[in-house]
Amino acid sequence: MHDYVHSHFSFDGQTVLDFGCGTGANCSMFHPLYYVGIDPDTQRIGYAKRLYSHHAFQVLNSKKLPFNNESFDYILIIAVLHHISSDEISSYMKEFQRILKPNGTIVVMEPCLSKKKPLCNWFMKWYDNGEYIRNEKEYIRLFRDQNYDCRVIKRFRKCFLYHELFFSVKPNSSKGEEYNDDYHKHKRILDALY
């Protein structure tokens, strides 16, 4: 997973918010000066602080993120959205726009349902604790409905029966049409392969 992220994004000198960081496993990808992990689970944050004492971690205890406007170049969301209802996610969308720097990017990786893979869908729903595993269109719609532009980077299989969707998101801007066009050009090819 870390290889996928690093092969598509350069984080050198870039500020990163790890939204839903859990126990902090992703922090090793980033320099401690530029990384902040946030999660609502106090115990997980306590564990992350003990395990990765040079990185910064905070407990998320409201819908308003405790950061100044335009604080982050990247927001990392890995295996988080499938634990959150659509209504709750939409409440964070404005906050993401507020704390992202101009031209900032949200990097998302989530388990993803596929109509072509019913056995995998069943397995993910049975195995995973997430109540809201979505298909690709549903994940993309979460962001597009809140005025974000999305680009699917990769669909891949993990652990044989687990399918993941890796995509990036930017607040809608003048570059939005180009960003969306790129998504649609590649989507037909990916659909044929997946």
C-alpha atoms as a PDB file:
ATOM      1  CA  MET A   1       0.000   0.000   0.000  1.00  0.00           C
ATOM      2  CA  HIS A   2       2.750   2.452   0.914  1.00  0.00           C
ATOM      3  CA  ASP A   3       4.475   1.686  -2.398  1.00  0.00           C
ATOM      4  CA  TYR A   4       1.322   2.616  -4.327  1.00  0.00           C
ATOM      5  CA  VAL A   5       1.093   5.942  -2.532  1.00  0.00           C
ATOM      6  CA  HIS A   6       4.776   6.832  -2.947  1.00  0.00           C
ATOM      7  CA  SER A   7       4.861   5.822  -6.601  1.00  0.00           C
ATOM      8  CA  HIS A   8       2.194   8.430  -7.430  1.00  0.00           C
ATOM      9  CA  PHE A   9       2.892  11.296  -5.028  1.00  0.00           C
ATOM     10  CA  SER A  10       5.938  13.170  -3.764  1.00  0.00           C
ATOM     11  CA  PHE A  11       5.602  14.191  -0.129  1.00  0.00           C
ATOM     12  CA  ASP A  12       9.048  15.747   0.374  1.00  0.00           C
ATOM     13  CA  GLY A  13       8.581  18.959   2.335  1.00  0.00           C
ATOM     14  CA  GLN A  14       4.787  18.648   2.048  1.00  0.00           C
ATOM     15  CA  THR A  15       2.446  18.827   5.035  1.00  0.00           C
ATOM     16  CA  VAL A  16       0.243  15.741   5.454  1.00  0.00           C
ATOM     17  CA  LEU A  17      -2.858  15.114   7.555  1.00  0.00           C
ATOM     18  CA  ASP A  18      -3.536  11.398   8.059  1.00  0.00           C
ATOM     19  CA  PHE A  19      -7.319  11.467   8.589  1.00  0.00           C
ATOM     20  CA  GLY A  20      -8.404   8.388  10.541  1.00  0.00           C
ATOM     21  CA  CYS A  21      -4.804   7.435  11.314  1.00  0.00           C
ATOM     22  CA  GLY A  22      -5.718   4.712  13.820  1.00  0.00           C
ATOM     23  CA  THR A  23      -2.536   3.419  15.453  1.00  0.00           C
ATOM     24  CA  GLY A  24      -0.318   5.513  13.177  1.00  0.00           C
ATOM     25  CA  ALA A  25       0.909   2.803  10.799  1.00  0.00           C
ATOM     26  CA  ASN A  26       1.073   5.251   7.873  1.00  0.00           C
ATOM     27  CA  CYS A  27       3.270   7.807   9.623  1.00  0.00           C
ATOM     28  CA  SER A  28       6.448   5.949   8.671  1.00  0.00           C
ATOM     29  CA  MET A  29       5.945   7.193   5.092  1.00  0.00           C
ATOM     30  CA  PHE A  30       6.403  10.822   6.168  1.00  0.00           C
ATOM     31  CA  HIS A  31       8.919  13.063   7.874  1.00  0.00           C
ATOM     32  CA  PRO A  32       7.740  13.799  11.446  1.00  0.00           C
ATOM     33  CA  LEU A  33       7.940  17.585  10.920  1.00  0.00           C
ATOM     34  CA  TYR A  34       5.333  17.458   8.155  1.00  0.00           C
ATOM     35  CA  TYR A  35       2.927  14.820   9.466  1.00  0.00           C
ATOM     36  CA  VAL A  36      -0.132  14.965  11.740  1.00  0.00           C
ATOM     37  CA  GLY A  37      -2.357  11.958  12.406  1.00  0.00           C
ATOM     38  CA  ILE A  38      -5.909  12.386  13.690  1.00  0.00           C
ATOM     39  CA  ASP A  39      -8.440   9.779  14.837  1.00  0.00           C
ATOM     40  CA  PRO A  40     -11.517   9.724  17.113  1.00  0.00           C
ATOM     41  CA  ASP A  41     -10.282   6.661  19.031  1.00  0.00           C
ATOM     42  CA  THR A  42      -8.410   7.854  22.125  1.00  0.00           C
ATOM     43  CA  GLN A  43      -6.814   4.458  22.771  1.00  0.00           C
ATOM     44  CA  ARG A  44      -5.464   4.176  19.235  1.00  0.00           C
ATOM     45  CA  ILE A  45      -4.037   7.678  19.405  1.00  0.00           C
ATOM     46  CA  GLY A  46      -2.391   6.839  22.734  1.00  0.00           C
ATOM     47  CA  TYR A  47      -0.839   3.747  21.183  1.00  0.00           C
ATOM     48  CA  ALA A  48       0.348   5.735  18.139  1.00  0.00           C
ATOM     49  CA  LYS A  49       1.983   8.337  20.386  1.00  0.00           C
ATOM     50  CA  ARG A  50       3.859   5.627  22.279  1.00  0.00           C
ATOM     51  CA  LEU A  51       4.889   3.728  19.159  1.00  0.00           C
ATOM     52  CA  TYR A  52       5.831   6.747  16.999  1.00  0.00           C
ATOM     53  CA  SER A  53       6.867   9.360  19.534  1.00  0.00           C
ATOM     54  CA  HIS A  54       8.477  11.673  16.958  1.00  0.00           C
ATOM     55  CA  HIS A  55       5.247  12.085  14.967  1.00  0.00           C
ATOM     56  CA  ALA A  56       2.268  14.239  16.000  1.00  0.00           C
ATOM     57  CA  PHE A  57      -1.122  12.668  16.744  1.00  0.00           C
ATOM     58  CA  GLN A  58      -4.385  14.219  17.918  1.00  0.00           C
ATOM     59  CA  VAL A  59      -7.772  12.940  19.014  1.00  0.00           C
ATOM     60  CA  LEU A  60     -10.607  14.041  16.731  1.00  0.00           C
ATOM     61  CA  ASN A  61     -13.525  15.007  18.915  1.00  0.00           C
ATOM     62  CA  SER A  62     -15.696  17.206  16.696  1.00  0.00           C
ATOM     63  CA  LYS A  63     -16.693  17.665  13.058  1.00  0.00           C
ATOM     64  CA  LYS A  64     -14.539  20.795  12.936  1.00  0.00           C
ATOM     65  CA  LEU A  65     -10.936  19.830  12.327  1.00  0.00           C
ATOM     66  CA  PRO A  66      -8.565  21.558  14.785  1.00  0.00           C
ATOM     67  CA  PHE A  67      -6.323  23.118  12.137  1.00  0.00           C
ATOM     68  CA  ASN A  68      -5.904  26.534  10.545  1.00  0.00           C
ATOM     69  CA  ASN A  69      -7.105  27.281   7.034  1.00  0.00           C
ATOM     70  CA  GLU A  70      -4.784  26.069   4.268  1.00  0.00           C
ATOM     71  CA  SER A  71      -2.607  24.007   6.623  1.00  0.00           C
ATOM     72  CA  PHE A  72      -2.009  20.870   4.539  1.00  0.00           C
ATOM     73  CA  ASP A  73      -0.681  19.969   1.108  1.00  0.00           C
ATOM     74  CA  TYR A  74      -2.156  16.468   1.408  1.00  0.00           C
ATOM     75  CA  ILE A  75      -4.901  14.724   3.310  1.00  0.00           C
ATOM     76  CA  LEU A  76      -4.397  10.970   3.463  1.00  0.00           C
ATOM     77  CA  ILE A  77      -7.526   8.827   3.899  1.00  0.00           C
ATOM     78  CA  ILE A  78      -6.659   5.128   3.946  1.00  0.00           C
ATOM     79  CA  ALA A  79      -9.286   2.522   4.855  1.00  0.00           C
ATOM     80  CA  VAL A  80     -11.417   5.056   6.729  1.00  0.00           C
ATOM     81  CA  LEU A  81     -14.436   6.047   4.636  1.00  0.00           C
ATOM     82  CA  HIS A  82     -15.983   2.576   4.722  1.00  0.00           C
ATOM     83  CA  HIS A  83     -16.419   3.073   8.485  1.00  0.00           C
ATOM     84  CA  ILE A  84     -18.297   6.385   8.109  1.00  0.00           C
ATOM     85  CA  SER A  85     -21.841   7.077   6.898  1.00  0.00           C
ATOM     86  CA  SER A  86     -22.306   9.293   3.840  1.00  0.00           C
ATOM     87  CA  ASP A  87     -23.968  12.009   5.942  1.00  0.00           C
ATOM     88  CA  GLU A  88     -21.049  12.109   8.347  1.00  0.00           C
ATOM     89  CA  ILE A  89     -18.500  12.172   5.510  1.00  0.00           C
ATOM     90  CA  SER A  90     -20.229  15.118   3.863  1.00  0.00           C
ATOM     91  CA  SER A  91     -19.850  17.083   7.109  1.00  0.00           C
ATOM     92  CA  TYR A  92     -16.055  16.698   6.812  1.00  0.00           C
ATOM     93  CA  MET A  93     -15.901  17.747   3.146  1.00  0.00           C
ATOM     94  CA  LYS A  94     -16.059  21.494   3.826  1.00  0.00           C
ATOM     95  CA  GLU A  95     -13.435  21.069   6.491  1.00  0.00           C
ATOM     96  CA  PHE A  96     -11.147  19.285   4.034  1.00  0.00           C
ATOM     97  CA  GLN A  97     -11.518  22.184   1.597  1.00  0.00           C
ATOM     98  CA  ARG A  98     -10.837  24.666   4.379  1.00  0.00           C
ATOM     99  CA  ILE A  99      -7.623  23.049   5.630  1.00  0.00           C
ATOM    100  CA  LEU A 100      -6.160  22.097   2.230  1.00  0.00           C
ATOM    101  CA  LYS A 101      -3.655  24.508   0.751  1.00  0.00           C
ATOM    102  CA  PRO A 102      -4.413  25.856  -2.724  1.00  0.00           C
ATOM    103  CA  ASN A 103      -3.811  23.009  -5.170  1.00  0.00           C
ATOM    104  CA  GLY A 104      -3.802  20.521  -2.258  1.00  0.00           C
ATOM    105  CA  THR A 105      -4.742  16.885  -2.813  1.00  0.00           C
ATOM    106  CA  ILE A 106      -6.682  14.240  -0.923  1.00  0.00           C
ATOM    107  CA  VAL A 107      -5.284  10.734  -1.392  1.00  0.00           C
ATOM    108  CA  VAL A 108      -7.837   7.967  -0.796  1.00  0.00           C
ATOM    109  CA  MET A 109      -7.547   4.180  -0.660  1.00  0.00           C
ATOM    110  CA  GLU A 110     -10.626   2.129   0.284  1.00  0.00           C
ATOM    111  CA  PRO A 111     -12.012  -1.399  -0.024  1.00  0.00           C
ATOM    112  CA  CYS A 112     -14.336  -1.329  -3.003  1.00  0.00           C
ATOM    113  CA  LEU A 113     -17.280  -3.452  -4.114  1.00  0.00           C
ATOM    114  CA  SER A 114     -17.495  -4.619  -7.719  1.00  0.00           C
ATOM    115  CA  LYS A 115     -20.583  -5.927  -9.491  1.00  0.00           C
ATOM    116  CA  LYS A 116     -18.275  -8.300 -11.365  1.00  0.00           C
ATOM    117  CA  LYS A 117     -16.935  -9.854  -8.133  1.00  0.00           C
ATOM    118  CA  PRO A 118     -19.858 -11.035  -5.942  1.00  0.00           C
ATOM    119  CA  LEU A 119     -17.713 -13.507  -3.969  1.00  0.00           C
ATOM    120  CA  CYS A 120     -15.197 -10.795  -3.120  1.00  0.00           C
ATOM    121  CA  ASN A 121     -18.031  -8.446  -2.147  1.00  0.00           C
ATOM    122  CA  TRP A 122     -19.459 -11.059   0.201  1.00  0.00           C
ATOM    123  CA  PHE A 123     -16.035 -11.732   1.728  1.00  0.00           C
ATOM    124  CA  MET A 124     -15.258  -8.045   2.323  1.00  0.00           C
ATOM    125  CA  LYS A 125     -18.641  -7.445   3.951  1.00  0.00           C
ATOM    126  CA  TRP A 126     -18.226 -10.537   6.121  1.00  0.00           C
ATOM    127  CA  TYR A 127     -14.570  -9.972   7.075  1.00  0.00           C
ATOM    128  CA  ASP A 128     -14.348  -6.203   7.400  1.00  0.00           C
ATOM    129  CA  ASN A 129     -15.717  -4.213  10.330  1.00  0.00           C
ATOM    130  CA  GLY A 130     -16.709  -1.345   8.023  1.00  0.00           C
ATOM    131  CA  GLU A 131     -20.458  -0.936   7.673  1.00  0.00           C
ATOM    132  CA  TYR A 132     -20.228   1.306   4.608  1.00  0.00           C
ATOM    133  CA  ILE A 133     -18.102  -0.450   1.989  1.00  0.00           C
ATOM    134  CA  ARG A 134     -19.086   1.220  -1.278  1.00  0.00           C
ATOM    135  CA  ASN A 135     -18.570   0.680  -4.969  1.00  0.00           C
ATOM    136  CA  GLU A 136     -16.416   2.996  -7.071  1.00  0.00           C
ATOM    137  CA  LYS A 137     -19.277   5.215  -8.220  1.00  0.00           C
ATOM    138  CA  GLU A 138     -20.468   5.707  -4.651  1.00  0.00           C
ATOM    139  CA  TYR A 139     -17.022   6.728  -3.393  1.00  0.00           C
ATOM    140  CA  ILE A 140     -16.539   9.144  -6.280  1.00  0.00           C
ATOM    141  CA  ARG A 141     -20.045  10.574  -5.841  1.00  0.00           C
ATOM    142  CA  LEU A 142     -19.322  11.341  -2.170  1.00  0.00           C
ATOM    143  CA  PHE A 143     -16.688  13.817  -3.329  1.00  0.00           C
ATOM    144  CA  ARG A 144     -18.195  15.063  -6.583  1.00  0.00           C
ATOM    145  CA  ASP A 145     -21.445  15.944  -4.824  1.00  0.00           C
ATOM    146  CA  GLN A 146     -19.388  18.226  -2.574  1.00  0.00           C
ATOM    147  CA  ASN A 147     -17.654  19.986  -5.497  1.00  0.00           C
ATOM    148  CA  TYR A 148     -14.462  17.935  -5.676  1.00  0.00           C
ATOM    149  CA  ASP A 149     -12.739  16.604  -8.772  1.00  0.00           C
ATOM    150  CA  CYS A 150     -11.710  12.941  -8.647  1.00  0.00           C
ATOM    151  CA  ARG A 151      -9.173  10.821 -10.497  1.00  0.00           C
ATOM    152  CA  VAL A 152      -9.036   7.056 -10.138  1.00  0.00           C
ATOM    153  CA  ILE A 153      -5.394   5.999 -10.034  1.00  0.00           C
ATOM    154  CA  LYS A 154      -5.619   2.259  -9.617  1.00  0.00           C
ATOM    155  CA  ARG A 155      -7.899  -0.629  -8.776  1.00  0.00           C
ATOM    156  CA  PHE A 156      -6.120  -3.593  -7.280  1.00  0.00           C
ATOM    157  CA  ARG A 157      -6.614  -6.816  -5.414  1.00  0.00           C
ATOM    158  CA  LYS A 158      -5.238  -7.303  -1.914  1.00  0.00           C
ATOM    159  CA  CYS A 159      -5.135 -10.675  -0.144  1.00  0.00           C
ATOM    160  CA  PHE A 160      -6.867 -12.453  -3.050  1.00  0.00           C
ATOM    161  CA  LEU A 161     -10.501 -11.623  -2.123  1.00  0.00           C
ATOM    162  CA  TYR A 162     -10.108  -7.972  -1.184  1.00  0.00           C
ATOM    163  CA  HIS A 163     -10.509  -5.249  -3.799  1.00  0.00           C
ATOM    164  CA  GLU A 164      -9.196  -1.739  -3.275  1.00  0.00           C
ATOM    165  CA  LEU A 165      -9.790   1.566  -5.009  1.00  0.00           C
ATOM    166  CA  PHE A 166      -6.961   4.127  -5.025  1.00  0.00           C
ATOM    167  CA  PHE A 167      -7.926   7.635  -6.110  1.00  0.00           C
ATOM    168  CA  SER A 168      -7.057  11.283  -5.619  1.00  0.00           C
ATOM    169  CA  VAL A 169      -9.323  14.234  -5.031  1.00  0.00           C
ATOM    170  CA  LYS A 170      -8.935  17.995  -5.397  1.00  0.00           C
ATOM    171  CA  PRO A 171     -11.327  20.794  -4.538  1.00  0.00           C
ATOM    172  CA  ASN A 172     -12.997  21.919  -7.756  1.00  0.00           C
ATOM    173  CA  SER A 173     -10.942  24.539  -9.561  1.00  0.00           C
ATOM    174  CA  SER A 174     -10.284  25.826 -13.042  1.00  0.00           C
ATOM    175  CA  LYS A 175      -8.328  22.608 -13.646  1.00  0.00           C
ATOM    176  CA  GLY A 176     -11.342  20.500 -12.715  1.00  0.00           C
ATOM    177  CA  GLU A 177     -12.443  19.717 -16.268  1.00  0.00           C
ATOM    178  CA  GLU A 178      -8.988  18.452 -17.197  1.00  0.00           C
ATOM    179  CA  TYR A 179      -8.848  16.363 -14.016  1.00  0.00           C
ATOM    180  CA  ASN A 180     -12.272  14.825 -14.726  1.00  0.00           C
ATOM    181  CA  ASP A 181     -11.496  14.234 -18.412  1.00  0.00           C
ATOM    182  CA  ASP A 182      -8.435  12.218 -17.408  1.00  0.00           C
ATOM    183  CA  TYR A 183     -10.633  10.084 -15.150  1.00  0.00           C
ATOM    184  CA  HIS A 184     -13.167   9.357 -17.918  1.00  0.00           C
ATOM    185  CA  LYS A 185     -10.490   8.516 -20.515  1.00  0.00           C
ATOM    186  CA  HIS A 186      -8.939   5.870 -18.293  1.00  0.00           C
ATOM    187  CA  LYS A 187     -12.147   4.566 -16.752  1.00  0.00           C
ATOM    188  CA  ARG A 188     -13.199   2.701 -19.929  1.00  0.00           C
ATOM    189  CA  ILE A 189      -9.845   0.910 -20.076  1.00  0.00           C
ATOM    190  CA  LEU A 190      -9.907   0.045 -16.375  1.00  0.00           C
ATOM    191  CA  ASP A 191     -13.500  -1.205 -16.594  1.00  0.00           C
ATOM    192  CA  ALA A 192     -12.508  -3.615 -19.332  1.00  0.00           C
ATOM    193  CA  LEU A 193      -9.624  -4.962 -17.269  1.00  0.00           C
ATOM    194  CA  TYR A 194     -11.398  -5.181 -13.911  1.00  0.00           C
END
